[in-house]
Amino acid sequence: ASGFTLDLFAIGWVRQAPGKEREVVSCISGDDGSTNYADAVKGRFT
């Protein structure tokens, strides 16, 4: 990342799979670093 301070933004990883709807698979908050995961990737992605 460039052009901003990362701790002030929420960052997500978004997946576009063939034939499927685009989906946020994981995200991390800028302030406290809390994380979230889509059910499909829980326990496998960090």
ModelCIF file with pLDDT and N, C-alpha, C, O atoms, coordinates in Angstrom:
data_MODEL
#
_entry.id   MODEL 
#
_entity.id                         1 
_entity.type                       polymer 
_entity.pdbx_number_of_molecules   1 
#
_entity_poly.entity_id                      1 
_entity_poly.type                           'polypeptide(L)' 
_entity_poly.nstd_linkage                   no 
_entity_poly.nstd_monomer                   no 
_entity_poly.pdbx_seq_one_letter_code       ASGFTLDLFAIGWVRQAPGKEREVVSCISGDDGSTNYADAVKGRFT 
_entity_poly.pdbx_seq_one_letter_code_can   ASGFTLDLFAIGWVRQAPGKEREVVSCISGDDGSTNYADAVKGRFT 
_entity_poly.pdbx_strand_id                 A 
#
loop_
_entity_poly_seq.entity_id 
_entity_poly_seq.num 
_entity_poly_seq.mon_id 
_entity_poly_seq.hetero 
1 1  ALA n 
1 2  SER n 
1 3  GLY n 
1 4  PHE n 
1 5  THR n 
1 6  LEU n 
1 7  ASP n 
1 8  LEU n 
1 9  PHE n 
1 10 ALA n 
1 11 ILE n 
1 12 GLY n 
1 13 TRP n 
1 14 VAL n 
1 15 ARG n 
1 16 GLN n 
1 17 ALA n 
1 18 PRO n 
1 19 GLY n 
1 20 LYS n 
1 21 GLU n 
1 22 ARG n 
1 23 GLU n 
1 24 VAL n 
1 25 VAL n 
1 26 SER n 
1 27 CYS n 
1 28 ILE n 
1 29 SER n 
1 30 GLY n 
1 31 ASP n 
1 32 ASP n 
1 33 GLY n 
1 34 SER n 
1 35 THR n 
1 36 ASN n 
1 37 TYR n 
1 38 ALA n 
1 39 ASP n 
1 40 ALA n 
1 41 VAL n 
1 42 LYS n 
1 43 GLY n 
1 44 ARG n 
1 45 PHE n 
1 46 THR n 
#
_struct_asym.id          A 
_struct_asym.entity_id   1 
#
loop_
_ma_qa_metric.id 
_ma_qa_metric.mode 
_ma_qa_metric.name 
_ma_qa_metric.software_group_id 
_ma_qa_metric.type 
1 global pLDDT . pLDDT 
2 local  pLDDT . pLDDT 
#
_ma_qa_metric_global.metric_id      1 
_ma_qa_metric_global.metric_value   93.83 
_ma_qa_metric_global.model_id       1 
_ma_qa_metric_global.ordinal_id     1 
#
loop_
_ma_qa_metric_local.label_asym_id 
_ma_qa_metric_local.label_comp_id 
_ma_qa_metric_local.label_seq_id 
_ma_qa_metric_local.metric_id 
_ma_qa_metric_local.metric_value 
_ma_qa_metric_local.model_id 
_ma_qa_metric_local.ordinal_id 
A ALA 1  2 95.00 1 1  
A SER 2  2 95.00 1 2  
A GLY 3  2 92.00 1 3  
A PHE 4  2 87.00 1 4  
A THR 5  2 85.00 1 5  
A LEU 6  2 85.00 1 6  
A ASP 7  2 84.00 1 7  
A LEU 8  2 86.00 1 8  
A PHE 9  2 91.00 1 9  
A ALA 10 2 94.00 1 10 
A ILE 11 2 96.00 1 11 
A GLY 12 2 97.00 1 12 
A TRP 13 2 98.00 1 13 
A VAL 14 2 98.00 1 14 
A ARG 15 2 98.00 1 15 
A GLN 16 2 98.00 1 16 
A ALA 17 2 96.00 1 17 
A PRO 18 2 91.00 1 18 
A GLY 19 2 93.00 1 19 
A LYS 20 2 95.00 1 20 
A GLU 21 2 95.00 1 21 
A ARG 22 2 97.00 1 22 
A GLU 23 2 96.00 1 23 
A VAL 24 2 97.00 1 24 
A VAL 25 2 97.00 1 25 
A SER 26 2 97.00 1 26 
A CYS 27 2 96.00 1 27 
A ILE 28 2 95.00 1 28 
A SER 29 2 92.00 1 29 
A GLY 30 2 89.00 1 30 
A ASP 31 2 84.00 1 31 
A ASP 32 2 85.00 1 32 
A GLY 33 2 89.00 1 33 
A SER 34 2 92.00 1 34 
A THR 35 2 95.00 1 35 
A ASN 36 2 95.00 1 36 
A TYR 37 2 96.00 1 37 
A ALA 38 2 96.00 1 38 
A ASP 39 2 96.00 1 39 
A ALA 40 2 96.00 1 40 
A VAL 41 2 97.00 1 41 
A LYS 42 2 98.00 1 42 
A GLY 43 2 98.00 1 43 
A ARG 44 2 98.00 1 44 
A PHE 45 2 98.00 1 45 
A THR 46 2 98.00 1 46 
#
loop_
_atom_site.group_PDB 
_atom_site.id 
_atom_site.type_symbol 
_atom_site.label_atom_id 
_atom_site.label_alt_id 
_atom_site.label_comp_id 
_atom_site.label_asym_id 
_atom_site.label_entity_id 
_atom_site.label_seq_id 
_atom_site.pdbx_PDB_ins_code 
_atom_site.Cartn_x 
_atom_site.Cartn_y 
_atom_site.Cartn_z 
_atom_site.occupancy 
_atom_site.B_iso_or_equiv 
_atom_site.pdbx_formal_charge 
_atom_site.auth_seq_id 
_atom_site.auth_comp_id 
_atom_site.auth_asym_id 
_atom_site.auth_atom_id 
_atom_site.pdbx_PDB_model_num 
ATOM 1   N N  . ALA A 1 1  ? 0.832   -1.195  0.000   1.00 95.00 ? 1  ALA A N  1 
ATOM 2   C CA . ALA A 1 1  ? 0.000   0.000   0.000   1.00 95.00 ? 1  ALA A CA 1 
ATOM 3   C C  . ALA A 1 1  ? 0.869   1.249   0.000   1.00 95.00 ? 1  ALA A C  1 
ATOM 4   O O  . ALA A 1 1  ? 1.939   1.275   0.609   1.00 95.00 ? 1  ALA A O  1 
ATOM 5   N N  . SER A 1 2  ? 0.403   2.274   -0.683  1.00 95.00 ? 2  SER A N  1 
ATOM 6   C CA . SER A 1 2  ? 1.100   3.553   -0.700  1.00 95.00 ? 2  SER A CA 1 
ATOM 7   C C  . SER A 1 2  ? 0.081   4.678   -0.821  1.00 95.00 ? 2  SER A C  1 
ATOM 8   O O  . SER A 1 2  ? -1.041  4.467   -1.281  1.00 95.00 ? 2  SER A O  1 
ATOM 9   N N  . GLY A 1 3  ? 0.480   5.865   -0.405  1.00 92.00 ? 3  GLY A N  1 
ATOM 10  C CA . GLY A 1 3  ? -0.383  7.021   -0.507  1.00 92.00 ? 3  GLY A CA 1 
ATOM 11  C C  . GLY A 1 3  ? -1.309  7.229   0.674   1.00 92.00 ? 3  GLY A C  1 
ATOM 12  O O  . GLY A 1 3  ? -2.120  8.155   0.670   1.00 92.00 ? 3  GLY A O  1 
ATOM 13  N N  . PHE A 1 4  ? -1.202  6.392   1.672   1.00 87.00 ? 4  PHE A N  1 
ATOM 14  C CA . PHE A 1 4  ? -2.025  6.520   2.869   1.00 87.00 ? 4  PHE A CA 1 
ATOM 15  C C  . PHE A 1 4  ? -1.391  5.741   4.000   1.00 87.00 ? 4  PHE A C  1 
ATOM 16  O O  . PHE A 1 4  ? -0.519  4.900   3.783   1.00 87.00 ? 4  PHE A O  1 
ATOM 17  N N  . THR A 1 5  ? -1.834  6.028   5.196   1.00 85.00 ? 5  THR A N  1 
ATOM 18  C CA . THR A 1 5  ? -1.368  5.288   6.362   1.00 85.00 ? 5  THR A CA 1 
ATOM 19  C C  . THR A 1 5  ? -2.302  4.110   6.590   1.00 85.00 ? 5  THR A C  1 
ATOM 20  O O  . THR A 1 5  ? -3.511  4.277   6.749   1.00 85.00 ? 5  THR A O  1 
ATOM 21  N N  . LEU A 1 6  ? -1.732  2.940   6.604   1.00 85.00 ? 6  LEU A N  1 
ATOM 22  C CA . LEU A 1 6  ? -2.511  1.719   6.623   1.00 85.00 ? 6  LEU A CA 1 
ATOM 23  C C  . LEU A 1 6  ? -3.389  1.593   7.859   1.00 85.00 ? 6  LEU A C  1 
ATOM 24  O O  . LEU A 1 6  ? -4.459  0.988   7.794   1.00 85.00 ? 6  LEU A O  1 
ATOM 25  N N  . ASP A 1 7  ? -2.965  2.140   8.958   1.00 84.00 ? 7  ASP A N  1 
ATOM 26  C CA . ASP A 1 7  ? -3.739  1.992   10.185  1.00 84.00 ? 7  ASP A CA 1 
ATOM 27  C C  . ASP A 1 7  ? -5.031  2.791   10.192  1.00 84.00 ? 7  ASP A C  1 
ATOM 28  O O  . ASP A 1 7  ? -5.839  2.634   11.107  1.00 84.00 ? 7  ASP A O  1 
ATOM 29  N N  . LEU A 1 8  ? -5.252  3.644   9.197   1.00 86.00 ? 8  LEU A N  1 
ATOM 30  C CA . LEU A 1 8  ? -6.470  4.430   9.108   1.00 86.00 ? 8  LEU A CA 1 
ATOM 31  C C  . LEU A 1 8  ? -7.476  3.851   8.117   1.00 86.00 ? 8  LEU A C  1 
ATOM 32  O O  . LEU A 1 8  ? -8.539  4.437   7.911   1.00 86.00 ? 8  LEU A O  1 
ATOM 33  N N  . PHE A 1 9  ? -7.165  2.731   7.511   1.00 91.00 ? 9  PHE A N  1 
ATOM 34  C CA . PHE A 1 9  ? -8.024  2.106   6.515   1.00 91.00 ? 9  PHE A CA 1 
ATOM 35  C C  . PHE A 1 9  ? -8.350  0.680   6.909   1.00 91.00 ? 9  PHE A C  1 
ATOM 36  O O  . PHE A 1 9  ? -7.541  -0.009  7.531   1.00 91.00 ? 9  PHE A O  1 
ATOM 37  N N  . ALA A 1 10 ? -9.543  0.247   6.541   1.00 94.00 ? 10 ALA A N  1 
ATOM 38  C CA . ALA A 1 10 ? -9.865  -1.164  6.564   1.00 94.00 ? 10 ALA A CA 1 
ATOM 39  C C  . ALA A 1 10 ? -9.399  -1.783  5.256   1.00 94.00 ? 10 ALA A C  1 
ATOM 40  O O  . ALA A 1 10 ? -9.597  -1.205  4.187   1.00 94.00 ? 10 ALA A O  1 
ATOM 41  N N  . ILE A 1 11 ? -8.788  -2.944  5.334   1.00 96.00 ? 11 ILE A N  1 
ATOM 42  C CA . ILE A 1 11 ? -8.267  -3.618  4.157   1.00 96.00 ? 11 ILE A CA 1 
ATOM 43  C C  . ILE A 1 11 ? -8.958  -4.965  3.990   1.00 96.00 ? 11 ILE A C  1 
ATOM 44  O O  . ILE A 1 11 ? -9.069  -5.743  4.937   1.00 96.00 ? 11 ILE A O  1 
ATOM 45  N N  . GLY A 1 12 ? -9.415  -5.225  2.786   1.00 97.00 ? 12 GLY A N  1 
ATOM 46  C CA . GLY A 1 12 ? -10.051 -6.493  2.493   1.00 97.00 ? 12 GLY A CA 1 
ATOM 47  C C  . GLY A 1 12 ? -9.368  -7.217  1.353   1.00 97.00 ? 12 GLY A C  1 
ATOM 48  O O  . GLY A 1 12 ? -8.771  -6.601  0.470   1.00 97.00 ? 12 GLY A O  1 
ATOM 49  N N  . TRP A 1 13 ? -9.467  -8.533  1.385   1.00 98.00 ? 13 TRP A N  1 
ATOM 50  C CA . TRP A 1 13 ? -9.085  -9.366  0.256   1.00 98.00 ? 13 TRP A CA 1 
ATOM 51  C C  . TRP A 1 13 ? -10.371 -9.858  -0.386  1.00 98.00 ? 13 TRP A C  1 
ATOM 52  O O  . TRP A 1 13 ? -11.195 -10.509 0.257   1.00 98.00 ? 13 TRP A O  1 
ATOM 53  N N  . VAL A 1 14 ? -10.527 -9.539  -1.658  1.00 98.00 ? 14 VAL A N  1 
ATOM 54  C CA . VAL A 1 14 ? -11.745 -9.831  -2.397  1.00 98.00 ? 14 VAL A CA 1 
ATOM 55  C C  . VAL A 1 14 ? -11.429 -10.831 -3.496  1.00 98.00 ? 14 VAL A C  1 
ATOM 56  O O  . VAL A 1 14 ? -10.459 -10.665 -4.236  1.00 98.00 ? 14 VAL A O  1 
ATOM 57  N N  . ARG A 1 15 ? -12.242 -11.857 -3.601  1.00 98.00 ? 15 ARG A N  1 
ATOM 58  C CA . ARG A 1 15 ? -11.997 -12.917 -4.575  1.00 98.00 ? 15 ARG A CA 1 
ATOM 59  C C  . ARG A 1 15 ? -13.066 -12.928 -5.648  1.00 98.00 ? 15 ARG A C  1 
ATOM 60  O O  . ARG A 1 15 ? -14.261 -12.873 -5.357  1.00 98.00 ? 15 ARG A O  1 
ATOM 61  N N  . GLN A 1 16 ? -12.622 -13.001 -6.890  1.00 98.00 ? 16 GLN A N  1 
ATOM 62  C CA . GLN A 1 16 ? -13.500 -13.200 -8.021  1.00 98.00 ? 16 GLN A CA 1 
ATOM 63  C C  . GLN A 1 16 ? -13.224 -14.587 -8.575  1.00 98.00 ? 16 GLN A C  1 
ATOM 64  O O  . GLN A 1 16 ? -12.232 -14.803 -9.273  1.00 98.00 ? 16 GLN A O  1 
ATOM 65  N N  . ALA A 1 17 ? -14.102 -15.518 -8.262  1.00 96.00 ? 17 ALA A N  1 
ATOM 66  C CA . ALA A 1 17 ? -13.952 -16.891 -8.724  1.00 96.00 ? 17 ALA A CA 1 
ATOM 67  C C  . ALA A 1 17 ? -14.746 -17.088 -10.007 1.00 96.00 ? 17 ALA A C  1 
ATOM 68  O O  . ALA A 1 17 ? -15.760 -16.421 -10.213 1.00 96.00 ? 17 ALA A O  1 
ATOM 69  N N  . PRO A 1 18 ? -14.300 -17.993 -10.871 1.00 91.00 ? 18 PRO A N  1 
ATOM 70  C CA . PRO A 1 18 ? -15.015 -18.231 -12.135 1.00 91.00 ? 18 PRO A CA 1 
ATOM 71  C C  . PRO A 1 18 ? -16.460 -18.626 -11.899 1.00 91.00 ? 18 PRO A C  1 
ATOM 72  O O  . PRO A 1 18 ? -16.746 -19.570 -11.163 1.00 91.00 ? 18 PRO A O  1 
ATOM 73  N N  . GLY A 1 19 ? -17.368 -17.898 -12.530 1.00 93.00 ? 19 GLY A N  1 
ATOM 74  C CA . GLY A 1 19 ? -18.780 -18.213 -12.437 1.00 93.00 ? 19 GLY A CA 1 
ATOM 75  C C  . GLY A 1 19 ? -19.428 -17.918 -11.107 1.00 93.00 ? 19 GLY A C  1 
ATOM 76  O O  . GLY A 1 19 ? -20.568 -18.318 -10.874 1.00 93.00 ? 19 GLY A O  1 
ATOM 77  N N  . LYS A 1 20 ? -18.723 -17.224 -10.227 1.00 95.00 ? 20 LYS A N  1 
ATOM 78  C CA . LYS A 1 20 ? -19.256 -16.928 -8.913  1.00 95.00 ? 20 LYS A CA 1 
ATOM 79  C C  . LYS A 1 20 ? -19.275 -15.425 -8.652  1.00 95.00 ? 20 LYS A C  1 
ATOM 80  O O  . LYS A 1 20 ? -18.586 -14.655 -9.322  1.00 95.00 ? 20 LYS A O  1 
ATOM 81  N N  . GLU A 1 21 ? -20.062 -15.030 -7.683  1.00 95.00 ? 21 GLU A N  1 
ATOM 82  C CA . GLU A 1 21 ? -20.134 -13.630 -7.298  1.00 95.00 ? 21 GLU A CA 1 
ATOM 83  C C  . GLU A 1 21 ? -18.863 -13.215 -6.577  1.00 95.00 ? 21 GLU A C  1 
ATOM 84  O O  . GLU A 1 21 ? -18.295 -13.983 -5.802  1.00 95.00 ? 21 GLU A O  1 
ATOM 85  N N  . ARG A 1 22 ? -18.432 -12.010 -6.839  1.00 97.00 ? 22 ARG A N  1 
ATOM 86  C CA . ARG A 1 22 ? -17.281 -11.472 -6.143  1.00 97.00 ? 22 ARG A CA 1 
ATOM 87  C C  . ARG A 1 22 ? -17.572 -11.400 -4.647  1.00 97.00 ? 22 ARG A C  1 
ATOM 88  O O  . ARG A 1 22 ? -18.667 -11.014 -4.238  1.00 97.00 ? 22 ARG A O  1 
ATOM 89  N N  . GLU A 1 23 ? -16.587 -11.772 -3.834  1.00 96.00 ? 23 GLU A N  1 
ATOM 90  C CA . GLU A 1 23 ? -16.810 -11.914 -2.415  1.00 96.00 ? 23 GLU A CA 1 
ATOM 91  C C  . GLU A 1 23 ? -15.606 -11.451 -1.619  1.00 96.00 ? 23 GLU A C  1 
ATOM 92  O O  . GLU A 1 23 ? -14.464 -11.713 -1.996  1.00 96.00 ? 23 GLU A O  1 
ATOM 93  N N  . VAL A 1 24 ? -15.864 -10.763 -0.515  1.00 97.00 ? 24 VAL A N  1 
ATOM 94  C CA . VAL A 1 24 ? -14.805 -10.429 0.432   1.00 97.00 ? 24 VAL A CA 1 
ATOM 95  C C  . VAL A 1 24 ? -14.498 -11.682 1.243   1.00 97.00 ? 24 VAL A C  1 
ATOM 96  O O  . VAL A 1 24 ? -15.351 -12.159 1.991   1.00 97.00 ? 24 VAL A O  1 
ATOM 97  N N  . VAL A 1 25 ? -13.309 -12.209 1.104   1.00 97.00 ? 25 VAL A N  1 
ATOM 98  C CA . VAL A 1 25 ? -12.957 -13.428 1.819   1.00 97.00 ? 25 VAL A CA 1 
ATOM 99  C C  . VAL A 1 25 ? -12.331 -13.137 3.174   1.00 97.00 ? 25 VAL A C  1 
ATOM 100 O O  . VAL A 1 25 ? -12.376 -13.980 4.070   1.00 97.00 ? 25 VAL A O  1 
ATOM 101 N N  . SER A 1 26 ? -11.756 -11.966 3.333   1.00 97.00 ? 26 SER A N  1 
ATOM 102 C CA . SER A 1 26 ? -11.153 -11.598 4.602   1.00 97.00 ? 26 SER A CA 1 
ATOM 103 C C  . SER A 1 26 ? -10.934 -10.098 4.657   1.00 97.00 ? 26 SER A C  1 
ATOM 104 O O  . SER A 1 26 ? -10.782 -9.446  3.624   1.00 97.00 ? 26 SER A O  1 
ATOM 105 N N  . CYS A 1 27 ? -10.918 -9.556  5.861   1.00 96.00 ? 27 CYS A N  1 
ATOM 106 C CA . CYS A 1 27 ? -10.627 -8.138  6.022   1.00 96.00 ? 27 CYS A CA 1 
ATOM 107 C C  . CYS A 1 27 ? -9.993  -7.905  7.378   1.00 96.00 ? 27 CYS A C  1 
ATOM 108 O O  . CYS A 1 27 ? -10.109 -8.724  8.289   1.00 96.00 ? 27 CYS A O  1 
ATOM 109 N N  . ILE A 1 28 ? -9.319  -6.767  7.493   1.00 95.00 ? 28 ILE A N  1 
ATOM 110 C CA . ILE A 1 28 ? -8.663  -6.399  8.734   1.00 95.00 ? 28 ILE A CA 1 
ATOM 111 C C  . ILE A 1 28 ? -8.881  -4.916  8.959   1.00 95.00 ? 28 ILE A C  1 
ATOM 112 O O  . ILE A 1 28 ? -8.754  -4.121  8.028   1.00 95.00 ? 28 ILE A O  1 
ATOM 113 N N  . SER A 1 29 ? -9.204  -4.539  10.174  1.00 92.00 ? 29 SER A N  1 
ATOM 114 C CA . SER A 1 29 ? -9.510  -3.152  10.482  1.00 92.00 ? 29 SER A CA 1 
ATOM 115 C C  . SER A 1 29 ? -8.243  -2.342  10.677  1.00 92.00 ? 29 SER A C  1 
ATOM 116 O O  . SER A 1 29 ? -7.189  -2.878  11.020  1.00 92.00 ? 29 SER A O  1 
ATOM 117 N N  . GLY A 1 30 ? -8.364  -1.038  10.454  1.00 89.00 ? 30 GLY A N  1 
ATOM 118 C CA . GLY A 1 30 ? -7.205  -0.176  10.571  1.00 89.00 ? 30 GLY A CA 1 
ATOM 119 C C  . GLY A 1 30 ? -6.860  0.194   11.990  1.00 89.00 ? 30 GLY A C  1 
ATOM 120 O O  . GLY A 1 30 ? -5.687  0.386   12.310  1.00 89.00 ? 30 GLY A O  1 
ATOM 121 N N  . ASP A 1 31 ? -7.853  0.298   12.847  1.00 84.00 ? 31 ASP A N  1 
ATOM 122 C CA . ASP A 1 31 ? -7.604  0.793   14.192  1.00 84.00 ? 31 ASP A CA 1 
ATOM 123 C C  . ASP A 1 31 ? -7.127  -0.290  15.151  1.00 84.00 ? 31 ASP A C  1 
ATOM 124 O O  . ASP A 1 31 ? -6.045  -0.174  15.726  1.00 84.00 ? 31 ASP A O  1 
ATOM 125 N N  . ASP A 1 32 ? -7.913  -1.329  15.327  1.00 85.00 ? 32 ASP A N  1 
ATOM 126 C CA . ASP A 1 32 ? -7.554  -2.358  16.293  1.00 85.00 ? 32 ASP A CA 1 
ATOM 127 C C  . ASP A 1 32 ? -7.026  -3.640  15.665  1.00 85.00 ? 32 ASP A C  1 
ATOM 128 O O  . ASP A 1 32 ? -6.642  -4.564  16.382  1.00 85.00 ? 32 ASP A O  1 
ATOM 129 N N  . GLY A 1 33 ? -7.003  -3.709  14.341  1.00 89.00 ? 33 GLY A N  1 
ATOM 130 C CA . GLY A 1 33 ? -6.484  -4.892  13.674  1.00 89.00 ? 33 GLY A CA 1 
ATOM 131 C C  . GLY A 1 33 ? -7.371  -6.112  13.749  1.00 89.00 ? 33 GLY A C  1 
ATOM 132 O O  . GLY A 1 33 ? -6.910  -7.223  13.487  1.00 89.00 ? 33 GLY A O  1 
ATOM 133 N N  . SER A 1 34 ? -8.628  -5.935  14.098  1.00 92.00 ? 34 SER A N  1 
ATOM 134 C CA . SER A 1 34 ? -9.533  -7.076  14.159  1.00 92.00 ? 34 SER A CA 1 
ATOM 135 C C  . SER A 1 34 ? -9.742  -7.654  12.769  1.00 92.00 ? 34 SER A C  1 
ATOM 136 O O  . SER A 1 34 ? -9.673  -6.935  11.772  1.00 92.00 ? 34 SER A O  1 
ATOM 137 N N  . THR A 1 35 ? -9.995  -8.945  12.708  1.00 95.00 ? 35 THR A N  1 
ATOM 138 C CA . THR A 1 35 ? -10.080 -9.644  11.435  1.00 95.00 ? 35 THR A CA 1 
ATOM 139 C C  . THR A 1 35 ? -11.415 -10.352 11.279  1.00 95.00 ? 35 THR A C  1 
ATOM 140 O O  . THR A 1 35 ? -12.084 -10.686 12.258  1.00 95.00 ? 35 THR A O  1 
ATOM 141 N N  . ASN A 1 36 ? -11.787 -10.575 10.017  1.00 95.00 ? 36 ASN A N  1 
ATOM 142 C CA . ASN A 1 36 ? -12.991 -11.310 9.682   1.00 95.00 ? 36 ASN A CA 1 
ATOM 143 C C  . ASN A 1 36 ? -12.707 -12.190 8.484   1.00 95.00 ? 36 ASN A C  1 
ATOM 144 O O  . ASN A 1 36 ? -11.856 -11.882 7.650   1.00 95.00 ? 36 ASN A O  1 
ATOM 145 N N  . TYR A 1 37 ? -13.442 -13.302 8.414   1.00 96.00 ? 37 TYR A N  1 
ATOM 146 C CA . TYR A 1 37 ? -13.253 -14.258 7.339   1.00 96.00 ? 37 TYR A CA 1 
ATOM 147 C C  . TYR A 1 37 ? -14.597 -14.769 6.844   1.00 96.00 ? 37 TYR A C  1 
ATOM 148 O O  . TYR A 1 37 ? -15.531 -14.963 7.621   1.00 96.00 ? 37 TYR A O  1 
ATOM 149 N N  . ALA A 1 38 ? -14.674 -14.980 5.545   1.00 96.00 ? 38 ALA A N  1 
ATOM 150 C CA . ALA A 1 38 ? -15.828 -15.666 4.999   1.00 96.00 ? 38 ALA A CA 1 
ATOM 151 C C  . ALA A 1 38 ? -15.829 -17.109 5.481   1.00 96.00 ? 38 ALA A C  1 
ATOM 152 O O  . ALA A 1 38 ? -14.774 -17.697 5.715   1.00 96.00 ? 38 ALA A O  1 
ATOM 153 N N  . ASP A 1 39 ? -17.014 -17.669 5.626   1.00 96.00 ? 39 ASP A N  1 
ATOM 154 C CA . ASP A 1 39 ? -17.112 -19.037 6.128   1.00 96.00 ? 39 ASP A CA 1 
ATOM 155 C C  . ASP A 1 39 ? -16.301 -20.026 5.299   1.00 96.00 ? 39 ASP A C  1 
ATOM 156 O O  . ASP A 1 39 ? -15.754 -20.990 5.835   1.00 96.00 ? 39 ASP A O  1 
ATOM 157 N N  . ALA A 1 40 ? -16.226 -19.790 4.010   1.00 96.00 ? 40 ALA A N  1 
ATOM 158 C CA . ALA A 1 40 ? -15.546 -20.724 3.126   1.00 96.00 ? 40 ALA A CA 1 
ATOM 159 C C  . ALA A 1 40 ? -14.052 -20.819 3.381   1.00 96.00 ? 40 ALA A C  1 
ATOM 160 O O  . ALA A 1 40 ? -13.422 -21.801 2.990   1.00 96.00 ? 40 ALA A O  1 
ATOM 161 N N  . VAL A 1 41 ? -13.471 -19.813 4.032   1.00 97.00 ? 41 VAL A N  1 
ATOM 162 C CA . VAL A 1 41 ? -12.022 -19.807 4.232   1.00 97.00 ? 41 VAL A CA 1 
ATOM 163 C C  . VAL A 1 41 ? -11.628 -19.841 5.697   1.00 97.00 ? 41 VAL A C  1 
ATOM 164 O O  . VAL A 1 41 ? -10.436 -19.869 6.003   1.00 97.00 ? 41 VAL A O  1 
ATOM 165 N N  . LYS A 1 42 ? -12.572 -19.840 6.597   1.00 98.00 ? 42 LYS A N  1 
ATOM 166 C CA . LYS A 1 42 ? -12.260 -19.875 8.023   1.00 98.00 ? 42 LYS A CA 1 
ATOM 167 C C  . LYS A 1 42 ? -11.408 -21.083 8.365   1.00 98.00 ? 42 LYS A C  1 
ATOM 168 O O  . LYS A 1 42 ? -11.675 -22.199 7.918   1.00 98.00 ? 42 LYS A O  1 
ATOM 169 N N  . GLY A 1 43 ? -10.386 -20.846 9.157   1.00 98.00 ? 43 GLY A N  1 
ATOM 170 C CA . GLY A 1 43 ? -9.496  -21.907 9.570   1.00 98.00 ? 43 GLY A CA 1 
ATOM 171 C C  . GLY A 1 43 ? -8.400  -22.224 8.585   1.00 98.00 ? 43 GLY A C  1 
ATOM 172 O O  . GLY A 1 43 ? -7.475  -22.969 8.910   1.00 98.00 ? 43 GLY A O  1 
ATOM 173 N N  . ARG A 1 44 ? -8.480  -21.675 7.387   1.00 98.00 ? 44 ARG A N  1 
ATOM 174 C CA . ARG A 1 44 ? -7.481  -21.946 6.357   1.00 98.00 ? 44 ARG A CA 1 
ATOM 175 C C  . ARG A 1 44 ? -6.702  -20.704 5.936   1.00 98.00 ? 44 ARG A C  1 
ATOM 176 O O  . ARG A 1 44 ? -5.521  -20.794 5.600   1.00 98.00 ? 44 ARG A O  1 
ATOM 177 N N  . PHE A 1 45 ? -7.354  -19.555 5.952   1.00 98.00 ? 45 PHE A N  1 
ATOM 178 C CA . PHE A 1 45 ? -6.718  -18.305 5.553   1.00 98.00 ? 45 PHE A CA 1 
ATOM 179 C C  . PHE A 1 45 ? -6.449  -17.441 6.779   1.00 98.00 ? 45 PHE A C  1 
ATOM 180 O O  . PHE A 1 45 ? -7.204  -17.477 7.751   1.00 98.00 ? 45 PHE A O  1 
ATOM 181 N N  . THR A 1 46 ? -5.378  -16.672 6.727   1.00 98.00 ? 46 THR A N  1 
ATOM 182 C CA . THR A 1 46 ? -5.039  -15.752 7.798   1.00 98.00 ? 46 THR A CA 1 
ATOM 183 C C  . THR A 1 46 ? -4.623  -14.415 7.205   1.00 98.00 ? 46 THR A C  1 
ATOM 184 O O  . THR A 1 46 ? -4.294  -13.487 7.945   1.00 98.00 ? 46 THR A O  1 
#
